[in-house]
Amino acid sequence: MISREIIEKLKEIYPSGTRVKLIKMEDVQVPPKGTLGTVYGVDAIGSILVKWDNGSTLNVIFREDIIEKISDKG
């Protein structure tokens, strides 16, 4: 389980509106590597919620998937 401190830190690093780029994700429905998206939140288990530009809303799993922060919110 991820601590509340880590979840709060993720919310600071990836506030709603932050742009990210997908580097690596293991899932059968994964968007293509390099897909850009916009963070719309961090849930109670530490998943980063992303609306990908290709229409997918597949969550980023902390410590498993890899994203790169492209820009801050706004």
N, C-alpha and C. Protein backbone atom coordinates (compact mmCIF):
# COMPACT_ATOMS: atom_id res chain seq x y z
N MET A 1 0.85 -1.19 0.00
CA MET A 1 0.00 0.00 0.00
C MET A 1 0.89 1.25 0.00
N ILE A 2 0.45 2.25 -0.70
CA ILE A 2 1.20 3.51 -0.80
C ILE A 2 0.76 4.43 0.33
N SER A 3 1.73 5.06 0.97
CA SER A 3 1.43 5.93 2.10
C SER A 3 0.72 7.20 1.66
N ARG A 4 0.00 7.79 2.59
CA ARG A 4 -0.69 9.05 2.35
C ARG A 4 0.31 10.14 1.94
N GLU A 5 1.51 10.12 2.53
CA GLU A 5 2.54 11.11 2.20
C GLU A 5 2.92 11.03 0.72
N ILE A 6 3.09 9.81 0.21
CA ILE A 6 3.45 9.64 -1.19
C ILE A 6 2.32 10.11 -2.10
N ILE A 7 1.09 9.79 -1.73
CA ILE A 7 -0.06 10.23 -2.53
C ILE A 7 -0.13 11.75 -2.57
N GLU A 8 0.09 12.40 -1.43
CA GLU A 8 0.07 13.87 -1.39
C GLU A 8 1.20 14.45 -2.23
N LYS A 9 2.38 13.81 -2.21
CA LYS A 9 3.51 14.28 -3.03
C LYS A 9 3.19 14.13 -4.52
N LEU A 10 2.56 13.01 -4.89
CA LEU A 10 2.15 12.82 -6.29
C LEU A 10 1.18 13.92 -6.73
N LYS A 11 0.28 14.30 -5.84
CA LYS A 11 -0.67 15.37 -6.14
C LYS A 11 0.04 16.71 -6.35
N GLU A 12 1.13 16.92 -5.60
CA GLU A 12 1.93 18.15 -5.77
C GLU A 12 2.68 18.12 -7.10
N ILE A 13 3.27 16.97 -7.43
CA ILE A 13 4.07 16.84 -8.66
C ILE A 13 3.18 16.86 -9.90
N TYR A 14 2.02 16.20 -9.81
CA TYR A 14 1.12 16.06 -10.96
C TYR A 14 -0.26 16.65 -10.67
N PRO A 15 -0.33 17.99 -10.47
CA PRO A 15 -1.65 18.59 -10.24
C PRO A 15 -2.50 18.50 -11.51
N SER A 16 -3.79 18.58 -11.34
CA SER A 16 -4.71 18.57 -12.47
C SER A 16 -4.28 19.61 -13.50
N GLY A 17 -4.23 19.19 -14.76
CA GLY A 17 -3.82 20.09 -15.85
C GLY A 17 -2.39 19.88 -16.31
N THR A 18 -1.59 19.12 -15.55
CA THR A 18 -0.20 18.85 -15.92
C THR A 18 -0.16 18.00 -17.19
N ARG A 19 0.69 18.34 -18.12
CA ARG A 19 0.86 17.56 -19.35
C ARG A 19 1.97 16.54 -19.15
N VAL A 20 1.73 15.32 -19.63
CA VAL A 20 2.69 14.23 -19.48
C VAL A 20 2.83 13.47 -20.80
N LYS A 21 3.93 12.73 -20.91
CA LYS A 21 4.18 11.88 -22.07
C LYS A 21 4.40 10.46 -21.58
N LEU A 22 3.77 9.50 -22.24
CA LEU A 22 3.91 8.10 -21.88
C LEU A 22 5.26 7.56 -22.33
N ILE A 23 6.01 7.00 -21.39
CA ILE A 23 7.30 6.38 -21.69
C ILE A 23 7.16 4.86 -21.71
N LYS A 24 6.52 4.29 -20.68
CA LYS A 24 6.38 2.83 -20.60
C LYS A 24 5.15 2.47 -19.79
N MET A 25 4.38 1.52 -20.30
CA MET A 25 3.21 1.02 -19.58
C MET A 25 2.95 -0.41 -20.04
N GLU A 26 2.70 -1.29 -19.09
CA GLU A 26 2.40 -2.69 -19.39
C GLU A 26 0.90 -2.92 -19.25
N ASP A 27 0.19 -2.92 -20.37
CA ASP A 27 -1.24 -3.15 -20.36
C ASP A 27 -1.65 -3.49 -21.79
N VAL A 28 -2.65 -4.32 -21.95
CA VAL A 28 -3.10 -4.69 -23.29
C VAL A 28 -3.75 -3.51 -24.02
N GLN A 29 -4.26 -2.53 -23.28
CA GLN A 29 -4.92 -1.38 -23.89
C GLN A 29 -4.04 -0.13 -23.86
N VAL A 30 -2.74 -0.31 -23.71
CA VAL A 30 -1.82 0.82 -23.57
C VAL A 30 -1.84 1.72 -24.82
N PRO A 31 -1.86 3.05 -24.58
CA PRO A 31 -1.69 3.96 -25.71
C PRO A 31 -0.26 3.80 -26.27
N PRO A 32 -0.02 4.21 -27.50
CA PRO A 32 1.32 4.10 -28.06
C PRO A 32 2.35 4.89 -27.24
N LYS A 33 3.56 4.36 -27.15
CA LYS A 33 4.66 5.06 -26.47
C LYS A 33 4.80 6.45 -27.09
N GLY A 34 4.98 7.45 -26.23
CA GLY A 34 5.11 8.83 -26.69
C GLY A 34 3.80 9.60 -26.71
N THR A 35 2.68 8.90 -26.44
CA THR A 35 1.38 9.58 -26.41
C THR A 35 1.38 10.64 -25.31
N LEU A 36 0.84 11.80 -25.61
CA LEU A 36 0.72 12.88 -24.64
C LEU A 36 -0.64 12.84 -23.98
N GLY A 37 -0.71 13.38 -22.77
CA GLY A 37 -1.98 13.42 -22.06
C GLY A 37 -1.99 14.50 -21.00
N THR A 38 -3.16 14.69 -20.40
CA THR A 38 -3.35 15.70 -19.36
C THR A 38 -3.84 15.02 -18.09
N VAL A 39 -3.13 15.28 -16.99
CA VAL A 39 -3.50 14.73 -15.69
C VAL A 39 -4.79 15.39 -15.22
N TYR A 40 -5.71 14.57 -14.69
CA TYR A 40 -6.93 15.14 -14.10
C TYR A 40 -7.09 14.72 -12.64
N GLY A 41 -6.06 14.11 -12.06
CA GLY A 41 -6.11 13.80 -10.64
C GLY A 41 -5.19 12.67 -10.25
N VAL A 42 -5.14 12.42 -8.96
CA VAL A 42 -4.44 11.28 -8.37
C VAL A 42 -5.43 10.63 -7.42
N ASP A 43 -5.63 9.31 -7.56
CA ASP A 43 -6.64 8.65 -6.74
C ASP A 43 -6.08 8.20 -5.39
N ALA A 44 -6.93 7.57 -4.59
CA ALA A 44 -6.59 7.17 -3.22
C ALA A 44 -5.54 6.07 -3.14
N ILE A 45 -5.25 5.38 -4.24
CA ILE A 45 -4.22 4.35 -4.23
C ILE A 45 -2.95 4.80 -4.95
N GLY A 46 -2.90 6.07 -5.35
CA GLY A 46 -1.70 6.63 -5.96
C GLY A 46 -1.62 6.51 -7.46
N SER A 47 -2.70 6.09 -8.11
CA SER A 47 -2.71 6.07 -9.57
C SER A 47 -2.86 7.50 -10.08
N ILE A 48 -2.10 7.83 -11.12
CA ILE A 48 -2.19 9.14 -11.75
C ILE A 48 -3.23 9.03 -12.86
N LEU A 49 -4.27 9.84 -12.77
CA LEU A 49 -5.39 9.78 -13.70
C LEU A 49 -5.09 10.70 -14.89
N VAL A 50 -5.04 10.11 -16.09
CA VAL A 50 -4.65 10.85 -17.28
C VAL A 50 -5.68 10.69 -18.38
N LYS A 51 -6.04 11.79 -19.01
CA LYS A 51 -6.83 11.78 -20.24
C LYS A 51 -5.83 11.87 -21.38
N TRP A 52 -5.58 10.75 -22.04
CA TRP A 52 -4.61 10.71 -23.12
C TRP A 52 -5.18 11.38 -24.36
N ASP A 53 -4.32 12.01 -25.15
CA ASP A 53 -4.76 12.75 -26.34
C ASP A 53 -5.41 11.84 -27.39
N ASN A 54 -5.18 10.54 -27.30
CA ASN A 54 -5.80 9.62 -28.27
C ASN A 54 -7.19 9.16 -27.82
N GLY A 55 -7.68 9.70 -26.68
CA GLY A 55 -9.01 9.37 -26.19
C GLY A 55 -9.03 8.36 -25.04
N SER A 56 -7.92 7.70 -24.79
CA SER A 56 -7.83 6.74 -23.69
C SER A 56 -7.81 7.46 -22.34
N THR A 57 -8.30 6.77 -21.30
CA THR A 57 -8.22 7.31 -19.94
C THR A 57 -7.54 6.29 -19.02
N LEU A 58 -6.66 5.48 -19.58
CA LEU A 58 -5.96 4.47 -18.80
C LEU A 58 -5.07 5.14 -17.75
N ASN A 59 -5.21 4.74 -16.49
CA ASN A 59 -4.45 5.33 -15.39
C ASN A 59 -3.00 4.88 -15.40
N VAL A 60 -2.14 5.75 -14.87
CA VAL A 60 -0.72 5.44 -14.71
C VAL A 60 -0.53 4.87 -13.30
N ILE A 61 0.03 3.69 -13.21
CA ILE A 61 0.22 3.04 -11.92
C ILE A 61 1.59 3.42 -11.36
N PHE A 62 1.58 4.03 -10.18
CA PHE A 62 2.82 4.46 -9.51
C PHE A 62 3.73 3.26 -9.28
N ARG A 63 4.99 3.43 -9.58
CA ARG A 63 6.06 2.43 -9.43
C ARG A 63 6.00 1.30 -10.46
N GLU A 64 5.07 1.35 -11.41
CA GLU A 64 5.01 0.35 -12.47
C GLU A 64 5.15 0.99 -13.84
N ASP A 65 4.35 2.01 -14.09
CA ASP A 65 4.37 2.70 -15.37
C ASP A 65 5.30 3.90 -15.30
N ILE A 66 5.73 4.37 -16.46
CA ILE A 66 6.65 5.51 -16.50
C ILE A 66 6.08 6.59 -17.41
N ILE A 67 6.00 7.81 -16.86
CA ILE A 67 5.60 8.98 -17.64
C ILE A 67 6.64 10.07 -17.44
N GLU A 68 6.66 11.00 -18.37
CA GLU A 68 7.54 12.15 -18.27
C GLU A 68 6.68 13.40 -18.17
N LYS A 69 6.98 14.25 -17.20
CA LYS A 69 6.23 15.51 -17.05
C LYS A 69 6.71 16.46 -18.14
N ILE A 70 5.77 16.94 -18.96
CA ILE A 70 6.10 17.82 -20.07
C ILE A 70 5.95 19.28 -19.66
N SER A 71 4.86 19.60 -18.96
CA SER A 71 4.64 20.97 -18.51
C SER A 71 3.72 20.98 -17.30
N ASP A 72 3.81 22.06 -16.54
CA ASP A 72 2.93 22.22 -15.39
C ASP A 72 1.53 22.58 -15.86
N LYS A 73 0.61 22.53 -14.94
CA LYS A 73 -0.78 22.81 -15.29
C LYS A 73 -0.90 24.21 -15.90
N GLY A 74 -1.95 24.34 -16.68
CA GLY A 74 -2.23 25.66 -17.26
C GLY A 74 -1.62 25.79 -18.56
